[in-house]
Amino acid sequence: MIDLSNSEPFASGGNRFCYCHPQDPQLCVKVMRPGRTAELLGRAPWYKRWRGEDYFDDNLRELEGYSQRALQRDDESLWRHLPRWYGIQETSLGPGAVTDLILDDSGAAAPTLRHYLNQHGLDNKVRAALQRFADWLLQNRVLTKNLIAHNLVLREEQGQLVIYLIDGLGSAAFLPLPEISDFFAGRYIQRRIERMWLRVDWEISDKKIPWRKFEARGLRR
């Protein structure tokens, strides 16, 4: 068991706390917030409630994401933009999803894309990094949900920025066609990439227009 009783999370999202593994500082342990799955189930529309609490468990969704067809190949390039996955392990705070912890040169957790954009804007270095990431997604047919700035982190490697996806792996399609067909996977991924660039444009804007309206306007162009 991983004992997190003396640990403080280094980051948190709406559903999970992120901890540094107490025995291995290069690993991240993600634990659901107490009571969060029940809360999400209670707030869900009626047509989703039949799935039960497991449907709202981000650790189980991440397990599904890492189990996708594209990531089952023995190919080192698959981990160029993804932390490696070490499964769901028992912790003192409940089940924890264990992955590589993406660190910067100082040994701290790598900054998010949102943090970088707030500091530097969409400069040439990060634009090139995003394009390499997009090319990798299409080349490897890696399925993701919406690519948002706080789920992407970056660090410098060999003189260039490299983007890593730390959350949001898997398919959000209503039908499983992208999971079984390369053709539909390519179309699905291209749409996610288009939304990623649109989200970046919104992140560097004054944000006076809410994201949903900004997205709807962009997708109609």
C-alpha atoms as a PDB file:
ATOM      1  CA  MET A   1       0.000   0.000   0.000  1.00  0.00           C
ATOM      2  CA  ILE A   2       1.140   3.553  -0.746  1.00  0.00           C
ATOM      3  CA  ASP A   3       0.953   5.574   2.477  1.00  0.00           C
ATOM      4  CA  LEU A   4      -0.117   9.140   1.724  1.00  0.00           C
ATOM      5  CA  SER A   5      -1.113  10.008   5.290  1.00  0.00           C
ATOM      6  CA  ASN A   6       1.863  12.367   5.705  1.00  0.00           C
ATOM      7  CA  SER A   7       1.727  13.792   2.183  1.00  0.00           C
ATOM      8  CA  GLU A   8       0.198  16.968   0.812  1.00  0.00           C
ATOM      9  CA  PRO A   9      -1.051  17.147  -2.791  1.00  0.00           C
ATOM     10  CA  PHE A  10       1.156  19.191  -5.101  1.00  0.00           C
ATOM     11  CA  ALA A  11      -1.792  19.840  -7.415  1.00  0.00           C
ATOM     12  CA  SER A  12      -5.528  19.269  -7.582  1.00  0.00           C
ATOM     13  CA  GLY A  13      -8.288  19.258 -10.145  1.00  0.00           C
ATOM     14  CA  GLY A  14     -12.027  19.257  -9.870  1.00  0.00           C
ATOM     15  CA  ASN A  15     -12.124  15.525  -9.175  1.00  0.00           C
ATOM     16  CA  ARG A  16      -8.672  14.371  -8.032  1.00  0.00           C
ATOM     17  CA  PHE A  17      -5.726  15.221  -5.820  1.00  0.00           C
ATOM     18  CA  CYS A  18      -2.209  14.669  -7.182  1.00  0.00           C
ATOM     19  CA  TYR A  19       0.526  13.442  -4.860  1.00  0.00           C
ATOM     20  CA  CYS A  20       4.211  12.763  -5.272  1.00  0.00           C
ATOM     21  CA  HIS A  21       4.810   9.058  -4.560  1.00  0.00           C
ATOM     22  CA  PRO A  22       6.416   8.923  -1.072  1.00  0.00           C
ATOM     23  CA  GLN A  23       8.869   6.173  -2.105  1.00  0.00           C
ATOM     24  CA  ASP A  24       9.617   7.405  -5.624  1.00  0.00           C
ATOM     25  CA  PRO A  25       9.603  11.174  -6.284  1.00  0.00           C
ATOM     26  CA  GLN A  26       9.459  10.569 -10.043  1.00  0.00           C
ATOM     27  CA  LEU A  27       5.971   9.060  -9.806  1.00  0.00           C
ATOM     28  CA  CYS A  28       2.589  10.774  -9.487  1.00  0.00           C
ATOM     29  CA  VAL A  29      -0.342   9.279  -7.548  1.00  0.00           C
ATOM     30  CA  LYS A  30      -3.823  10.581  -8.379  1.00  0.00           C
ATOM     31  CA  VAL A  31      -6.593   9.974  -5.850  1.00  0.00           C
ATOM     32  CA  MET A  32     -10.266  10.864  -6.202  1.00  0.00           C
ATOM     33  CA  ARG A  33     -11.589  13.544  -3.855  1.00  0.00           C
ATOM     34  CA  PRO A  34     -13.591  11.914  -1.024  1.00  0.00           C
ATOM     35  CA  GLY A  35     -17.255  11.578  -1.966  1.00  0.00           C
ATOM     36  CA  ARG A  36     -16.713  13.044  -5.420  1.00  0.00           C
ATOM     37  CA  THR A  37     -18.025  10.106  -7.473  1.00  0.00           C
ATOM     38  CA  ALA A  38     -21.264  10.027  -5.446  1.00  0.00           C
ATOM     39  CA  GLU A  39     -21.607  13.797  -5.874  1.00  0.00           C
ATOM     40  CA  LEU A  40     -21.146  13.573  -9.637  1.00  0.00           C
ATOM     41  CA  LEU A  41     -23.614  10.699  -9.853  1.00  0.00           C
ATOM     42  CA  GLY A  42     -26.206  12.699  -7.928  1.00  0.00           C
ATOM     43  CA  ARG A  43     -25.806  15.710 -10.245  1.00  0.00           C
ATOM     44  CA  ALA A  44     -25.824  13.683 -13.471  1.00  0.00           C
ATOM     45  CA  PRO A  45     -28.794  13.636 -15.880  1.00  0.00           C
ATOM     46  CA  TRP A  46     -31.051  10.606 -15.564  1.00  0.00           C
ATOM     47  CA  TYR A  47     -29.674   8.893 -18.685  1.00  0.00           C
ATOM     48  CA  LYS A  48     -26.190   8.674 -17.136  1.00  0.00           C
ATOM     49  CA  ARG A  49     -27.123   7.568 -13.637  1.00  0.00           C
ATOM     50  CA  TRP A  50     -27.710   3.944 -14.620  1.00  0.00           C
ATOM     51  CA  ARG A  51     -23.946   3.609 -15.173  1.00  0.00           C
ATOM     52  CA  GLY A  52     -23.268   3.884 -11.437  1.00  0.00           C
ATOM     53  CA  GLU A  53     -20.462   5.631  -9.541  1.00  0.00           C
ATOM     54  CA  ASP A  54     -17.668   3.862 -11.453  1.00  0.00           C
ATOM     55  CA  TYR A  55     -18.587   5.870 -14.556  1.00  0.00           C
ATOM     56  CA  PHE A  56     -17.604   9.068 -12.722  1.00  0.00           C
ATOM     57  CA  ASP A  57     -14.302   7.735 -11.362  1.00  0.00           C
ATOM     58  CA  ASP A  58     -11.499   9.550 -13.213  1.00  0.00           C
ATOM     59  CA  ASN A  59      -8.994   6.840 -12.291  1.00  0.00           C
ATOM     60  CA  LEU A  60     -11.087   4.213 -14.064  1.00  0.00           C
ATOM     61  CA  ARG A  61     -11.528   6.547 -17.042  1.00  0.00           C
ATOM     62  CA  GLU A  62      -7.754   7.002 -17.165  1.00  0.00           C
ATOM     63  CA  LEU A  63      -7.283   3.233 -17.070  1.00  0.00           C
ATOM     64  CA  GLU A  64      -9.589   2.982 -20.078  1.00  0.00           C
ATOM     65  CA  GLY A  65      -7.623   5.709 -21.843  1.00  0.00           C
ATOM     66  CA  TYR A  66      -4.327   3.898 -21.394  1.00  0.00           C
ATOM     67  CA  SER A  67      -5.957   0.631 -22.516  1.00  0.00           C
ATOM     68  CA  GLN A  68      -6.855   2.027 -25.935  1.00  0.00           C
ATOM     69  CA  ARG A  69      -5.713   0.168 -29.027  1.00  0.00           C
ATOM     70  CA  ALA A  70      -3.105   2.750 -30.059  1.00  0.00           C
ATOM     71  CA  LEU A  71      -1.118   2.345 -26.832  1.00  0.00           C
ATOM     72  CA  GLN A  72      -0.802  -1.429 -26.934  1.00  0.00           C
ATOM     73  CA  ARG A  73       2.078  -1.418 -29.409  1.00  0.00           C
ATOM     74  CA  ASP A  74       5.660  -1.986 -28.257  1.00  0.00           C
ATOM     75  CA  ASP A  75       6.882   1.373 -29.516  1.00  0.00           C
ATOM     76  CA  GLU A  76       8.979   3.755 -27.430  1.00  0.00           C
ATOM     77  CA  SER A  77       7.712   6.759 -29.406  1.00  0.00           C
ATOM     78  CA  LEU A  78       4.280   6.290 -27.811  1.00  0.00           C
ATOM     79  CA  TRP A  79       5.677   7.808 -24.612  1.00  0.00           C
ATOM     80  CA  ARG A  80       7.129  10.864 -26.302  1.00  0.00           C
ATOM     81  CA  HIS A  81       4.180  12.946 -25.106  1.00  0.00           C
ATOM     82  CA  LEU A  82       2.635  10.741 -22.403  1.00  0.00           C
ATOM     83  CA  PRO A  83       3.672   9.795 -18.872  1.00  0.00           C
ATOM     84  CA  ARG A  84       3.964   6.035 -18.478  1.00  0.00           C
ATOM     85  CA  TRP A  85       1.173   4.231 -16.687  1.00  0.00           C
ATOM     86  CA  TYR A  86       1.745   1.909 -13.715  1.00  0.00           C
ATOM     87  CA  GLY A  87      -1.824   0.969 -12.955  1.00  0.00           C
ATOM     88  CA  ILE A  88      -4.270   1.669 -10.156  1.00  0.00           C
ATOM     89  CA  GLN A  89      -2.699   0.874  -6.796  1.00  0.00           C
ATOM     90  CA  GLU A  90      -4.088   0.879  -3.277  1.00  0.00           C
ATOM     91  CA  THR A  91      -3.222   3.896  -1.132  1.00  0.00           C
ATOM     92  CA  SER A  92      -4.128   5.012   2.392  1.00  0.00           C
ATOM     93  CA  LEU A  93      -6.613   7.424   0.745  1.00  0.00           C
ATOM     94  CA  GLY A  94      -8.214   4.895  -1.597  1.00  0.00           C
ATOM     95  CA  PRO A  95      -7.307   3.685  -5.094  1.00  0.00           C
ATOM     96  CA  GLY A  96      -4.627   5.777  -6.780  1.00  0.00           C
ATOM     97  CA  ALA A  97      -3.674   6.003 -10.461  1.00  0.00           C
ATOM     98  CA  VAL A  98       0.125   5.887 -10.704  1.00  0.00           C
ATOM     99  CA  THR A  99       2.025   7.468 -13.615  1.00  0.00           C
ATOM    100  CA  ASP A 100       5.342   9.115 -14.288  1.00  0.00           C
ATOM    101  CA  LEU A 101       5.550  12.599 -12.790  1.00  0.00           C
ATOM    102  CA  ILE A 102       6.702  15.033 -15.468  1.00  0.00           C
ATOM    103  CA  LEU A 103       9.360  17.225 -13.849  1.00  0.00           C
ATOM    104  CA  ASP A 104      11.155  20.362 -14.985  1.00  0.00           C
ATOM    105  CA  ASP A 105      14.906  20.948 -14.793  1.00  0.00           C
ATOM    106  CA  SER A 106      14.695  21.959 -11.133  1.00  0.00           C
ATOM    107  CA  GLY A 107      12.925  18.746 -10.110  1.00  0.00           C
ATOM    108  CA  ALA A 108       9.554  20.442  -9.586  1.00  0.00           C
ATOM    109  CA  ALA A 109       6.349  19.439 -11.359  1.00  0.00           C
ATOM    110  CA  ALA A 110       6.470  20.741 -14.936  1.00  0.00           C
ATOM    111  CA  PRO A 111       4.378  23.880 -15.563  1.00  0.00           C
ATOM    112  CA  THR A 112       1.067  23.664 -17.353  1.00  0.00           C
ATOM    113  CA  LEU A 113       0.518  25.076 -20.816  1.00  0.00           C
ATOM    114  CA  ARG A 114      -1.838  27.614 -19.228  1.00  0.00           C
ATOM    115  CA  HIS A 115       0.965  28.860 -16.972  1.00  0.00           C
ATOM    116  CA  TYR A 116       3.349  29.126 -19.928  1.00  0.00           C
ATOM    117  CA  LEU A 117       0.841  31.002 -22.085  1.00  0.00           C
ATOM    118  CA  ASN A 118       0.144  33.433 -19.250  1.00  0.00           C
ATOM    119  CA  GLN A 119       3.869  34.110 -18.934  1.00  0.00           C
ATOM    120  CA  HIS A 120       5.029  34.078 -22.562  1.00  0.00           C
ATOM    121  CA  GLY A 121       1.995  34.004 -24.827  1.00  0.00           C
ATOM    122  CA  LEU A 122       1.915  31.866 -27.961  1.00  0.00           C
ATOM    123  CA  ASP A 123       5.572  32.275 -28.870  1.00  0.00           C
ATOM    124  CA  ASN A 124       7.345  30.329 -31.596  1.00  0.00           C
ATOM    125  CA  LYS A 125       8.761  27.750 -29.160  1.00  0.00           C
ATOM    126  CA  VAL A 126       5.417  26.685 -27.753  1.00  0.00           C
ATOM    127  CA  ARG A 127       3.675  26.920 -31.130  1.00  0.00           C
ATOM    128  CA  ALA A 128       6.222  24.452 -32.542  1.00  0.00           C
ATOM    129  CA  ALA A 129       5.804  22.208 -29.481  1.00  0.00           C
ATOM    130  CA  LEU A 130       2.022  22.133 -29.952  1.00  0.00           C
ATOM    131  CA  GLN A 131       2.419  21.289 -33.625  1.00  0.00           C
ATOM    132  CA  ARG A 132       4.785  18.399 -32.821  1.00  0.00           C
ATOM    133  CA  PHE A 133       2.279  17.160 -30.251  1.00  0.00           C
ATOM    134  CA  ALA A 134      -0.578  17.377 -32.769  1.00  0.00           C
ATOM    135  CA  ASP A 135       1.472  15.508 -35.390  1.00  0.00           C
ATOM    136  CA  TRP A 136       2.244  12.783 -32.834  1.00  0.00           C
ATOM    137  CA  LEU A 137      -1.443  12.363 -31.987  1.00  0.00           C
ATOM    138  CA  LEU A 138      -2.351  11.876 -35.635  1.00  0.00           C
ATOM    139  CA  GLN A 139       0.605   9.656 -36.466  1.00  0.00           C
ATOM    140  CA  ASN A 140      -0.044   7.293 -33.543  1.00  0.00           C
ATOM    141  CA  ARG A 141      -3.861   7.576 -33.547  1.00  0.00           C
ATOM    142  CA  VAL A 142      -3.903   8.414 -29.827  1.00  0.00           C
ATOM    143  CA  LEU A 143      -7.425   9.254 -28.688  1.00  0.00           C
ATOM    144  CA  THR A 144      -7.964  12.091 -26.238  1.00  0.00           C
ATOM    145  CA  LYS A 145     -10.813  14.091 -24.851  1.00  0.00           C
ATOM    146  CA  ASN A 146     -10.706  17.869 -25.197  1.00  0.00           C
ATOM    147  CA  LEU A 147      -7.101  19.107 -25.045  1.00  0.00           C
ATOM    148  CA  ILE A 148      -7.239  21.905 -22.492  1.00  0.00           C
ATOM    149  CA  ALA A 149      -4.367  24.002 -21.217  1.00  0.00           C
ATOM    150  CA  HIS A 150      -4.269  22.775 -17.614  1.00  0.00           C
ATOM    151  CA  ASN A 151      -4.116  19.121 -18.745  1.00  0.00           C
ATOM    152  CA  LEU A 152      -0.988  19.741 -20.814  1.00  0.00           C
ATOM    153  CA  VAL A 153       2.422  20.346 -19.248  1.00  0.00           C
ATOM    154  CA  LEU A 154       5.725  21.152 -20.888  1.00  0.00           C
ATOM    155  CA  ARG A 155       9.409  20.912 -20.242  1.00  0.00           C
ATOM    156  CA  GLU A 156      12.550  21.636 -22.215  1.00  0.00           C
ATOM    157  CA  GLU A 157      14.336  18.654 -23.727  1.00  0.00           C
ATOM    158  CA  GLN A 158      17.398  18.958 -25.964  1.00  0.00           C
ATOM    159  CA  GLY A 159      16.774  22.636 -26.561  1.00  0.00           C
ATOM    160  CA  GLN A 160      13.082  22.464 -27.425  1.00  0.00           C
ATOM    161  CA  LEU A 161       9.806  22.409 -25.533  1.00  0.00           C
ATOM    162  CA  VAL A 162       7.949  19.093 -25.326  1.00  0.00           C
ATOM    163  CA  ILE A 163       4.238  18.855 -24.516  1.00  0.00           C
ATOM    164  CA  TYR A 164       2.934  16.047 -22.269  1.00  0.00           C
ATOM    165  CA  LEU A 165      -0.715  15.092 -21.830  1.00  0.00           C
ATOM    166  CA  ILE A 166      -1.251  14.401 -18.109  1.00  0.00           C
ATOM    167  CA  ASP A 167      -5.052  14.048 -18.096  1.00  0.00           C
ATOM    168  CA  GLY A 168      -7.885  13.563 -20.579  1.00  0.00           C
ATOM    169  CA  LEU A 169      -6.704  10.432 -22.363  1.00  0.00           C
ATOM    170  CA  GLY A 170      -9.388   8.355 -24.088  1.00  0.00           C
ATOM    171  CA  SER A 171     -12.355   8.893 -26.381  1.00  0.00           C
ATOM    172  CA  ALA A 172     -15.329  11.181 -25.748  1.00  0.00           C
ATOM    173  CA  ALA A 173     -17.182   9.971 -28.847  1.00  0.00           C
ATOM    174  CA  PHE A 174     -20.767   8.798 -28.318  1.00  0.00           C
ATOM    175  CA  LEU A 175     -20.185   5.814 -30.619  1.00  0.00           C
ATOM    176  CA  PRO A 176     -16.985   3.722 -30.333  1.00  0.00           C
ATOM    177  CA  LEU A 177     -16.035   4.127 -34.006  1.00  0.00           C
ATOM    178  CA  PRO A 178     -12.715   5.951 -33.318  1.00  0.00           C
ATOM    179  CA  GLU A 179     -11.685   3.090 -31.029  1.00  0.00           C
ATOM    180  CA  ILE A 180     -12.041   0.426 -33.720  1.00  0.00           C
ATOM    181  CA  SER A 181     -11.339   2.249 -36.993  1.00  0.00           C
ATOM    182  CA  ASP A 182      -8.211   4.162 -38.026  1.00  0.00           C
ATOM    183  CA  PHE A 183     -10.297   6.217 -40.451  1.00  0.00           C
ATOM    184  CA  PHE A 184     -12.723   7.412 -37.791  1.00  0.00           C
ATOM    185  CA  ALA A 185      -9.879   7.802 -35.291  1.00  0.00           C
ATOM    186  CA  GLY A 186      -8.114  10.183 -37.677  1.00  0.00           C
ATOM    187  CA  ARG A 187     -11.251  12.305 -38.133  1.00  0.00           C
ATOM    188  CA  TYR A 188     -11.904  12.351 -34.394  1.00  0.00           C
ATOM    189  CA  ILE A 189      -8.326  13.340 -33.525  1.00  0.00           C
ATOM    190  CA  GLN A 190      -8.285  16.102 -36.134  1.00  0.00           C
ATOM    191  CA  ARG A 191     -11.367  17.644 -34.528  1.00  0.00           C
ATOM    192  CA  ARG A 192      -9.701  17.500 -31.107  1.00  0.00           C
ATOM    193  CA  ILE A 193      -6.627  19.219 -32.500  1.00  0.00           C
ATOM    194  CA  GLU A 194      -8.760  21.981 -34.031  1.00  0.00           C
ATOM    195  CA  ARG A 195     -10.379  22.516 -30.629  1.00  0.00           C
ATOM    196  CA  MET A 196      -6.932  22.534 -28.995  1.00  0.00           C
ATOM    197  CA  TRP A 197      -5.768  25.437 -31.163  1.00  0.00           C
ATOM    198  CA  LEU A 198      -9.057  27.221 -30.533  1.00  0.00           C
ATOM    199  CA  ARG A 199      -8.596  26.744 -26.806  1.00  0.00           C
ATOM    200  CA  VAL A 200      -5.083  28.194 -27.041  1.00  0.00           C
ATOM    201  CA  ASP A 201      -6.494  31.253 -28.828  1.00  0.00           C
ATOM    202  CA  TRP A 202      -8.988  31.656 -25.990  1.00  0.00           C
ATOM    203  CA  GLU A 203      -6.309  31.246 -23.316  1.00  0.00           C
ATOM    204  CA  ILE A 204      -4.267  34.129 -24.753  1.00  0.00           C
ATOM    205  CA  SER A 205      -7.344  36.332 -25.259  1.00  0.00           C
ATOM    206  CA  ASP A 206      -8.826  38.680 -22.657  1.00  0.00           C
ATOM    207  CA  LYS A 207     -11.414  35.918 -21.946  1.00  0.00           C
ATOM    208  CA  LYS A 208     -14.273  38.391 -21.977  1.00  0.00           C
ATOM    209  CA  ILE A 209     -16.147  35.851 -24.088  1.00  0.00           C
ATOM    210  CA  PRO A 210     -16.883  32.651 -22.126  1.00  0.00           C
ATOM    211  CA  TRP A 211     -15.160  29.565 -23.501  1.00  0.00           C
ATOM    212  CA  ARG A 212     -18.345  27.863 -24.708  1.00  0.00           C
ATOM    213  CA  LYS A 213     -19.383  30.857 -26.789  1.00  0.00           C
ATOM    214  CA  PHE A 214     -15.817  31.318 -28.062  1.00  0.00           C
ATOM    215  CA  GLU A 215     -15.719  27.637 -29.061  1.00  0.00           C
ATOM    216  CA  ALA A 216     -19.086  27.785 -30.829  1.00  0.00           C
ATOM    217  CA  ARG A 217     -18.039  30.842 -32.847  1.00  0.00           C
ATOM    218  CA  GLY A 218     -14.721  29.264 -33.796  1.00  0.00           C
ATOM    219  CA  LEU A 219     -16.222  25.983 -34.917  1.00  0.00           C
ATOM    220  CA  ARG A 220     -18.726  27.791 -37.168  1.00  0.00           C
ATOM    221  CA  ARG A 221     -15.998  29.496 -39.160  1.00  0.00           C
END
